[in-house]
Amino acid sequence: MTDDLEYHSLENALIAFDVPPENRAFLSKIAPVAPLVRFVRTSGYIRADRADGGPSLNIAFGWTNGFVSEQEVSDIFGDVKAWPSGRKGLWFVWHPENRGGQDRGQRAGADRVYEICPSCFIEMPPSGVCDACGA
């Protein structure tokens, strides 16, 4: 079930989604390169629709996917590693603060490392079954 709340700005959506300040600063680099016009909070991420009609960005606590190329990631974030997304032909990037493992940092005070769904890159719940795709 999703709450599907719409926000007027990315910053408002990120604050409501409890994204840490380090990640909000990191994500603020998107707007000049890939302008966003609509921000909808779902149960697992914020869907940010592009002004040009390109693929939406799915922004979670520790990652964003929906970039059209490695070059787009580089144009936005500089020297940051892009990874192939579960969304065919798209790319994702880890945020500075995340709940992932190696080479991704770890949020201070986190008691648990959360698994990431190998199909859609949504954070897995404790049940081990992805809420987004059922994998």
C-alpha atoms as a PDB file:
ATOM      1  CA  MET A   1       0.000   0.000   0.000  1.00  0.00           C
ATOM      2  CA  THR A   2       1.289   3.458  -0.800  1.00  0.00           C
ATOM      3  CA  ASP A   3       0.425   6.772   0.724  1.00  0.00           C
ATOM      4  CA  ASP A   4       1.077   8.581  -2.600  1.00  0.00           C
ATOM      5  CA  LEU A   5       1.628  12.021  -1.087  1.00  0.00           C
ATOM      6  CA  GLU A   6       2.630  14.778  -3.501  1.00  0.00           C
ATOM      7  CA  TYR A   7       5.108  17.495  -2.518  1.00  0.00           C
ATOM      8  CA  HIS A   8       5.834  20.900  -4.046  1.00  0.00           C
ATOM      9  CA  SER A   9       9.617  20.491  -3.952  1.00  0.00           C
ATOM     10  CA  LEU A  10      12.248  17.799  -3.801  1.00  0.00           C
ATOM     11  CA  GLU A  11      13.556  19.247  -0.537  1.00  0.00           C
ATOM     12  CA  ASN A  12      10.116  18.964   1.107  1.00  0.00           C
ATOM     13  CA  ALA A  13       9.713  15.387  -0.116  1.00  0.00           C
ATOM     14  CA  LEU A  14      13.186  14.408   1.136  1.00  0.00           C
ATOM     15  CA  ILE A  15      12.560  15.912   4.563  1.00  0.00           C
ATOM     16  CA  ALA A  16       9.193  14.131   4.840  1.00  0.00           C
ATOM     17  CA  PHE A  17      10.879  10.856   3.791  1.00  0.00           C
ATOM     18  CA  ASP A  18      13.490  11.372   6.542  1.00  0.00           C
ATOM     19  CA  VAL A  19      16.432  11.511   4.131  1.00  0.00           C
ATOM     20  CA  PRO A  20      19.512  12.727   6.041  1.00  0.00           C
ATOM     21  CA  PRO A  21      20.979  16.190   5.347  1.00  0.00           C
ATOM     22  CA  GLU A  22      24.103  14.724   3.664  1.00  0.00           C
ATOM     23  CA  ASN A  23      21.914  12.980   1.100  1.00  0.00           C
ATOM     24  CA  ARG A  24      19.702  16.036   0.597  1.00  0.00           C
ATOM     25  CA  ALA A  25      22.809  18.095  -0.228  1.00  0.00           C
ATOM     26  CA  PHE A  26      24.009  15.360  -2.601  1.00  0.00           C
ATOM     27  CA  LEU A  27      20.609  15.219  -4.352  1.00  0.00           C
ATOM     28  CA  SER A  28      20.367  18.991  -4.735  1.00  0.00           C
ATOM     29  CA  LYS A  29      22.852  18.617  -7.627  1.00  0.00           C
ATOM     30  CA  ILE A  30      20.176  16.970  -9.808  1.00  0.00           C
ATOM     31  CA  ALA A  31      17.973  19.996 -10.570  1.00  0.00           C
ATOM     32  CA  PRO A  32      20.409  21.984 -12.754  1.00  0.00           C
ATOM     33  CA  VAL A  33      21.096  18.971 -15.002  1.00  0.00           C
ATOM     34  CA  ALA A  34      17.804  17.028 -14.901  1.00  0.00           C
ATOM     35  CA  PRO A  35      15.026  19.438 -13.838  1.00  0.00           C
ATOM     36  CA  LEU A  36      12.249  17.764 -11.872  1.00  0.00           C
ATOM     37  CA  VAL A  37       8.619  18.893 -11.744  1.00  0.00           C
ATOM     38  CA  ARG A  38       6.605  16.465  -9.600  1.00  0.00           C
ATOM     39  CA  PHE A  39       7.478  14.652  -6.380  1.00  0.00           C
ATOM     40  CA  VAL A  40       5.311  11.776  -5.188  1.00  0.00           C
ATOM     41  CA  ARG A  41       6.093   9.768  -2.070  1.00  0.00           C
ATOM     42  CA  THR A  42       5.252   6.073  -2.378  1.00  0.00           C
ATOM     43  CA  SER A  43       5.778   3.406   0.276  1.00  0.00           C
ATOM     44  CA  GLY A  44       9.410   2.757  -0.676  1.00  0.00           C
ATOM     45  CA  TYR A  45      10.751   5.856  -2.404  1.00  0.00           C
ATOM     46  CA  ILE A  46      10.025   9.293  -3.815  1.00  0.00           C
ATOM     47  CA  ARG A  47       9.142   9.334  -7.501  1.00  0.00           C
ATOM     48  CA  ALA A  48      10.508  12.495  -9.081  1.00  0.00           C
ATOM     49  CA  ASP A  49       9.159  13.182 -12.566  1.00  0.00           C
ATOM     50  CA  ARG A  50      11.393  14.947 -15.063  1.00  0.00           C
ATOM     51  CA  ALA A  51      10.373  18.164 -16.778  1.00  0.00           C
ATOM     52  CA  ASP A  52      11.442  16.745 -20.157  1.00  0.00           C
ATOM     53  CA  GLY A  53       9.270  13.609 -19.814  1.00  0.00           C
ATOM     54  CA  GLY A  54      12.279  11.308 -19.397  1.00  0.00           C
ATOM     55  CA  PRO A  55      12.243   8.419 -16.939  1.00  0.00           C
ATOM     56  CA  SER A  56      11.289   9.356 -13.417  1.00  0.00           C
ATOM     57  CA  LEU A  57      13.916   9.176 -10.716  1.00  0.00           C
ATOM     58  CA  ASN A  58      13.117   6.861  -7.831  1.00  0.00           C
ATOM     59  CA  ILE A  59      14.768   8.330  -4.744  1.00  0.00           C
ATOM     60  CA  ALA A  60      15.056   6.201  -1.610  1.00  0.00           C
ATOM     61  CA  PHE A  61      16.894   6.761   1.648  1.00  0.00           C
ATOM     62  CA  GLY A  62      20.279   5.639   0.317  1.00  0.00           C
ATOM     63  CA  TRP A  63      20.050   5.486  -3.472  1.00  0.00           C
ATOM     64  CA  THR A  64      18.468   6.983  -6.580  1.00  0.00           C
ATOM     65  CA  ASN A  65      17.702   5.146  -9.819  1.00  0.00           C
ATOM     66  CA  GLY A  66      16.358   6.226 -13.187  1.00  0.00           C
ATOM     67  CA  PHE A  67      19.391   7.918 -14.702  1.00  0.00           C
ATOM     68  CA  VAL A  68      19.578   7.451 -18.466  1.00  0.00           C
ATOM     69  CA  SER A  69      23.345   6.828 -18.625  1.00  0.00           C
ATOM     70  CA  GLU A  70      26.564   6.662 -16.668  1.00  0.00           C
ATOM     71  CA  GLN A  71      27.374  10.009 -18.286  1.00  0.00           C
ATOM     72  CA  GLU A  72      24.256  11.589 -16.810  1.00  0.00           C
ATOM     73  CA  VAL A  73      25.347  10.427 -13.351  1.00  0.00           C
ATOM     74  CA  SER A  74      28.796  11.899 -13.984  1.00  0.00           C
ATOM     75  CA  ASP A  75      27.319  15.171 -15.289  1.00  0.00           C
ATOM     76  CA  ILE A  76      25.239  15.514 -12.120  1.00  0.00           C
ATOM     77  CA  PHE A  77      27.464  14.173  -9.345  1.00  0.00           C
ATOM     78  CA  GLY A  78      30.995  14.230 -10.741  1.00  0.00           C
ATOM     79  CA  ASP A  79      33.251  11.337  -9.797  1.00  0.00           C
ATOM     80  CA  VAL A  80      30.575   8.975  -8.450  1.00  0.00           C
ATOM     81  CA  LYS A  81      30.187   5.333  -9.479  1.00  0.00           C
ATOM     82  CA  ALA A  82      26.980   4.514 -11.383  1.00  0.00           C
ATOM     83  CA  TRP A  83      25.497   1.016 -11.356  1.00  0.00           C
ATOM     84  CA  PRO A  84      23.061  -0.659 -13.781  1.00  0.00           C
ATOM     85  CA  SER A  85      19.528  -0.373 -12.437  1.00  0.00           C
ATOM     86  CA  GLY A  86      16.875  -3.058 -12.237  1.00  0.00           C
ATOM     87  CA  ARG A  87      14.923  -0.698 -14.485  1.00  0.00           C
ATOM     88  CA  LYS A  88      16.104  -1.857 -17.889  1.00  0.00           C
ATOM     89  CA  GLY A  89      18.581   0.486 -19.548  1.00  0.00           C
ATOM     90  CA  LEU A  90      18.764   2.858 -16.586  1.00  0.00           C
ATOM     91  CA  TRP A  91      21.362   3.509 -13.890  1.00  0.00           C
ATOM     92  CA  PHE A  92      21.445   4.111 -10.155  1.00  0.00           C
ATOM     93  CA  VAL A  93      23.764   5.739  -7.657  1.00  0.00           C
ATOM     94  CA  TRP A  94      24.301   5.211  -3.922  1.00  0.00           C
ATOM     95  CA  HIS A  95      23.932   8.264  -1.693  1.00  0.00           C
ATOM     96  CA  PRO A  96      26.700   9.207   0.769  1.00  0.00           C
ATOM     97  CA  GLU A  97      24.583   7.989   3.708  1.00  0.00           C
ATOM     98  CA  ASN A  98      22.818   4.682   3.114  1.00  0.00           C
ATOM     99  CA  ARG A  99      21.991   1.360   4.650  1.00  0.00           C
ATOM    100  CA  GLY A 100      24.067  -0.624   2.189  1.00  0.00           C
ATOM    101  CA  GLY A 101      27.347  -2.408   2.611  1.00  0.00           C
ATOM    102  CA  GLN A 102      30.819  -2.205   1.133  1.00  0.00           C
ATOM    103  CA  ASP A 103      32.002   0.980  -0.536  1.00  0.00           C
ATOM    104  CA  ARG A 104      28.728   2.662   0.226  1.00  0.00           C
ATOM    105  CA  GLY A 105      29.259   3.893   3.750  1.00  0.00           C
ATOM    106  CA  GLN A 106      26.943   3.136   6.580  1.00  0.00           C
ATOM    107  CA  ARG A 107      24.713   5.433   8.581  1.00  0.00           C
ATOM    108  CA  ALA A 108      26.197   6.058  12.008  1.00  0.00           C
ATOM    109  CA  GLY A 109      24.437   4.123  14.733  1.00  0.00           C
ATOM    110  CA  ALA A 110      22.755   1.692  12.377  1.00  0.00           C
ATOM    111  CA  ASP A 111      22.210  -1.615  14.114  1.00  0.00           C
ATOM    112  CA  ARG A 112      21.506  -3.553  10.967  1.00  0.00           C
ATOM    113  CA  VAL A 113      22.587  -3.591   7.346  1.00  0.00           C
ATOM    114  CA  TYR A 114      19.476  -3.812   5.174  1.00  0.00           C
ATOM    115  CA  GLU A 115      19.441  -5.973   2.074  1.00  0.00           C
ATOM    116  CA  ILE A 116      18.679  -4.383  -1.296  1.00  0.00           C
ATOM    117  CA  CYS A 117      16.341  -6.154  -3.739  1.00  0.00           C
ATOM    118  CA  PRO A 118      18.406  -7.483  -6.653  1.00  0.00           C
ATOM    119  CA  SER A 119      15.506  -6.854  -9.063  1.00  0.00           C
ATOM    120  CA  CYS A 120      14.391  -3.300  -8.326  1.00  0.00           C
ATOM    121  CA  PHE A 121      16.965  -2.008  -5.799  1.00  0.00           C
ATOM    122  CA  ILE A 122      14.339  -1.167  -3.175  1.00  0.00           C
ATOM    123  CA  GLU A 123      15.389  -1.714   0.421  1.00  0.00           C
ATOM    124  CA  MET A 124      14.119  -5.122   1.577  1.00  0.00           C
ATOM    125  CA  PRO A 125      11.963  -5.354   4.704  1.00  0.00           C
ATOM    126  CA  PRO A 126      12.914  -7.716   7.554  1.00  0.00           C
ATOM    127  CA  SER A 127      10.693 -10.415   5.975  1.00  0.00           C
ATOM    128  CA  GLY A 128      13.186 -10.710   3.089  1.00  0.00           C
ATOM    129  CA  VAL A 129      10.412 -10.322   0.485  1.00  0.00           C
ATOM    130  CA  CYS A 130      10.526  -7.113  -1.555  1.00  0.00           C
ATOM    131  CA  ASP A 131       7.502  -4.884  -0.940  1.00  0.00           C
ATOM    132  CA  ALA A 132       7.812  -3.392  -4.437  1.00  0.00           C
ATOM    133  CA  CYS A 133       8.218  -6.420  -6.700  1.00  0.00           C
ATOM    134  CA  GLY A 134       7.776  -9.487  -4.495  1.00  0.00           C
ATOM    135  CA  ALA A 135      11.255 -10.874  -5.203  1.00  0.00           C
END
